[in-house]
């Protein structure tokens, strides 16, 4: 909290909707009435709905200029917007850690017989066999064909580099 203002946090944000929760002012109808009147003055905001019982405010409007919205939240006198802090871990690292943990789980459960890539491969082959048995033979969509083509191409490049590194050809 800064200068006696309650803290608000964004709990939902899309291009047309923002929900802010101000827990400290829960059940304070006068606060939410003043906030609603204040927010209605912003041209970007088309609808303001406050709910003192839950301590939240829902804004609907054109938030393509999110900077203006944040500027308002920084300068308003009713509450201090808290920007959520991250742990600093890049998303790709989080995805990798999740994949590695899932892979360890599969290896542990299968006593080393399977890993996650093989399991996914088997599931996809099984799906293909299932579709063939049901006479659902179709060509893949263009984006899937391009994705597979890219995979085959990059795999072949890696194989060529491995051969060149070994000096075989």
Protein backbone atom coordinates (compact mmCIF):
# COMPACT_ATOMS: atom_id res chain seq x y z
CA UNK A 1 0.00 0.00 0.00
CA UNK A 2 1.30 3.46 -0.92
CA UNK A 3 0.29 6.74 0.77
CA UNK A 4 -2.66 5.17 2.56
CA UNK A 5 -4.29 3.91 -0.63
CA UNK A 6 -5.54 0.31 -0.75
CA UNK A 7 -3.87 -2.12 -3.15
CA UNK A 8 -5.68 -3.34 -6.23
CA UNK A 9 -4.60 -6.20 -8.46
CA UNK A 10 -5.60 -7.12 -11.99
CA UNK A 11 -7.11 -10.59 -11.86
CA UNK A 12 -8.35 -10.74 -15.46
CA UNK A 13 -7.23 -8.81 -18.53
CA UNK A 14 -8.26 -9.21 -22.18
CA UNK A 15 -8.49 -6.68 -24.98
CA UNK A 16 -12.02 -5.73 -23.99
CA UNK A 17 -12.29 -6.54 -20.28
CA UNK A 18 -10.32 -5.84 -17.11
CA UNK A 19 -11.25 -7.10 -13.65
CA UNK A 20 -9.51 -5.55 -10.66
CA UNK A 21 -9.84 -6.84 -7.12
CA UNK A 22 -9.38 -4.43 -4.22
CA UNK A 23 -9.68 -6.80 -1.29
CA UNK A 24 -8.98 -4.18 1.38
CA UNK A 25 -12.13 -2.27 0.41
CA UNK A 26 -14.43 -5.28 0.31
CA UNK A 27 -17.93 -4.32 1.54
CA UNK A 28 -17.12 -0.56 1.25
CA UNK A 29 -19.99 0.66 -0.95
CA UNK A 30 -18.95 4.33 -0.74
CA UNK A 31 -15.44 3.53 -2.03
CA UNK A 32 -16.74 1.53 -4.99
CA UNK A 33 -19.35 4.19 -5.81
CA UNK A 34 -16.59 6.85 -5.92
CA UNK A 35 -14.38 4.54 -7.99
CA UNK A 36 -17.20 3.87 -10.45
CA UNK A 37 -17.85 7.60 -10.89
CA UNK A 38 -14.14 8.23 -11.37
CA UNK A 39 -13.74 5.47 -13.97
CA UNK A 40 -16.81 6.50 -15.97
CA UNK A 41 -14.96 9.70 -16.93
CA UNK A 42 -12.42 7.75 -19.00
CA UNK A 43 -13.38 7.68 -22.71
CA UNK A 44 -11.84 4.21 -23.23
CA UNK A 45 -14.19 2.68 -20.66
CA UNK A 46 -17.66 1.87 -21.93
CA UNK A 47 -19.00 -0.03 -18.90
CA UNK A 48 -18.03 -0.01 -15.24
CA UNK A 49 -19.47 -2.56 -12.84
CA UNK A 50 -18.41 -2.61 -9.24
CA UNK A 51 -19.22 -5.23 -6.65
CA UNK A 52 -18.47 -4.16 -3.09
CA UNK A 53 -19.38 -7.64 -1.80
CA UNK A 54 -16.50 -9.23 -3.74
CA UNK A 55 -14.27 -6.16 -3.69
CA UNK A 56 -13.95 -6.03 -7.46
CA UNK A 57 -14.51 -3.75 -10.42
CA UNK A 58 -15.12 -4.93 -13.99
CA UNK A 59 -14.23 -2.58 -16.82
CA UNK A 60 -15.32 -3.09 -20.41
CA UNK A 61 -14.16 -0.98 -23.29
CA UNK A 62 -11.42 -0.28 -25.80
CA UNK A 63 -8.19 -1.14 -24.07
CA UNK A 64 -6.00 -1.12 -27.17
CA UNK A 65 -4.16 1.73 -25.50
CA UNK A 66 -3.33 -0.14 -22.31
CA UNK A 67 -0.73 2.50 -21.44
CA UNK A 68 -3.49 5.09 -20.86
CA UNK A 69 -5.30 2.69 -18.56
CA UNK A 70 -2.13 2.03 -16.58
CA UNK A 71 -1.42 5.78 -16.42
CA UNK A 72 -4.85 6.29 -14.90
CA UNK A 73 -4.24 3.52 -12.38
CA UNK A 74 -0.90 5.09 -11.43
CA UNK A 75 -2.36 8.56 -10.90
CA UNK A 76 -5.77 7.81 -9.41
CA UNK A 77 -6.21 8.75 -5.77
CA UNK A 78 -8.49 5.86 -4.79
CA UNK A 79 -6.18 2.82 -4.98
CA UNK A 80 -2.66 1.73 -5.86
CA UNK A 81 -2.41 -0.81 -8.68
CA UNK A 82 -0.04 -3.61 -7.78
CA UNK A 83 1.82 -5.10 -10.73
CA UNK A 84 2.20 -8.84 -10.16
CA UNK A 85 5.80 -9.88 -9.71
CA UNK A 86 7.18 -12.89 -11.50
CA UNK A 87 9.89 -15.18 -10.24
CA UNK A 88 12.11 -14.11 -13.15
CA UNK A 89 12.12 -17.51 -14.81
CA UNK A 90 11.65 -17.25 -18.60
CA UNK A 91 8.56 -18.99 -19.95
CA UNK A 92 10.58 -21.34 -22.16
CA UNK A 93 12.47 -22.53 -19.09
CA UNK A 94 9.21 -23.16 -17.23
CA UNK A 95 7.87 -25.13 -20.20
CA UNK A 96 11.12 -27.11 -20.40
CA UNK A 97 11.03 -27.85 -16.65
CA UNK A 98 7.42 -29.04 -16.94
CA UNK A 99 8.29 -31.24 -19.93
CA UNK A 100 11.34 -32.66 -18.12
CA UNK A 101 9.26 -33.43 -15.02
CA UNK A 102 6.60 -35.16 -17.15
CA UNK A 103 9.31 -37.10 -18.95
CA UNK A 104 10.82 -38.27 -15.63
CA UNK A 105 7.34 -39.33 -14.46
CA UNK A 106 6.78 -41.42 -17.62
CA UNK A 107 10.25 -42.98 -17.33
CA UNK A 108 9.71 -43.80 -13.65
CA UNK A 109 6.26 -45.31 -14.21
CA UNK A 110 7.42 -47.39 -17.17
CA UNK A 111 10.66 -48.45 -15.43
CA UNK A 112 12.70 -46.89 -18.23
CA UNK A 113 10.79 -48.57 -21.07
CA UNK A 114 9.19 -45.33 -22.32
CA UNK A 115 9.93 -41.65 -22.35
CA UNK A 116 7.57 -38.79 -23.18
CA UNK A 117 8.50 -38.40 -26.88
CA UNK A 118 7.99 -42.16 -27.47
CA UNK A 119 4.71 -42.06 -25.56
CA UNK A 120 3.46 -39.15 -27.67
CA UNK A 121 4.62 -40.96 -30.82
CA UNK A 122 2.71 -44.09 -29.79
CA UNK A 123 -0.40 -42.07 -29.01
CA UNK A 124 -0.29 -40.39 -32.43
CA UNK A 125 0.25 -43.72 -34.19
CA UNK A 126 -2.64 -45.16 -32.18
CA UNK A 127 -4.84 -42.24 -33.21
CA UNK A 128 -3.90 -42.85 -36.85
CA UNK A 129 -4.68 -46.56 -36.59
CA UNK A 130 -8.00 -45.78 -34.90
CA UNK A 131 -8.95 -43.39 -37.70
CA UNK A 132 -7.92 -45.95 -40.36
CA UNK A 133 -10.06 -48.65 -38.76
CA UNK A 134 -13.02 -46.28 -38.80
CA UNK A 135 -12.40 -45.45 -42.48
CA UNK A 136 -11.63 -41.84 -41.61
CA UNK A 137 -8.73 -41.48 -44.02
CA UNK A 138 -8.15 -37.82 -44.79
CA UNK A 139 -5.27 -35.63 -45.80
CA UNK A 140 -3.84 -33.48 -43.01
CA UNK A 141 -4.66 -29.76 -43.06
CA UNK A 142 -2.12 -27.50 -44.79
CA UNK A 143 -0.66 -26.18 -41.54
CA UNK A 144 -0.07 -29.70 -40.25
CA UNK A 145 1.57 -30.70 -43.54
CA UNK A 146 3.85 -27.64 -43.36
CA UNK A 147 4.68 -28.37 -39.72
CA UNK A 148 5.64 -31.97 -40.50
CA UNK A 149 7.61 -30.83 -43.56
CA UNK A 150 9.56 -28.38 -41.40
CA UNK A 151 10.22 -31.13 -38.85
CA UNK A 152 11.53 -33.52 -41.48
CA UNK A 153 13.65 -30.77 -43.04
CA UNK A 154 15.24 -29.62 -39.77
CA UNK A 155 15.84 -33.23 -38.70
CA UNK A 156 17.59 -33.92 -42.01
CA UNK A 157 19.76 -30.82 -41.54
CA UNK A 158 20.77 -32.05 -38.09
CA UNK A 159 21.62 -35.47 -39.54
CA UNK A 160 23.70 -33.88 -42.32
CA UNK A 161 25.58 -31.75 -39.77
CA UNK A 162 26.26 -34.86 -37.68
CA UNK A 163 27.69 -36.65 -40.72
CA UNK A 164 29.82 -33.62 -41.63
CA UNK A 165 31.11 -33.37 -38.06
CA UNK A 166 32.15 -37.02 -38.13
CA UNK A 167 33.91 -36.48 -41.45
CA UNK A 168 32.25 -39.50 -43.04
CA UNK A 169 31.13 -37.76 -46.23
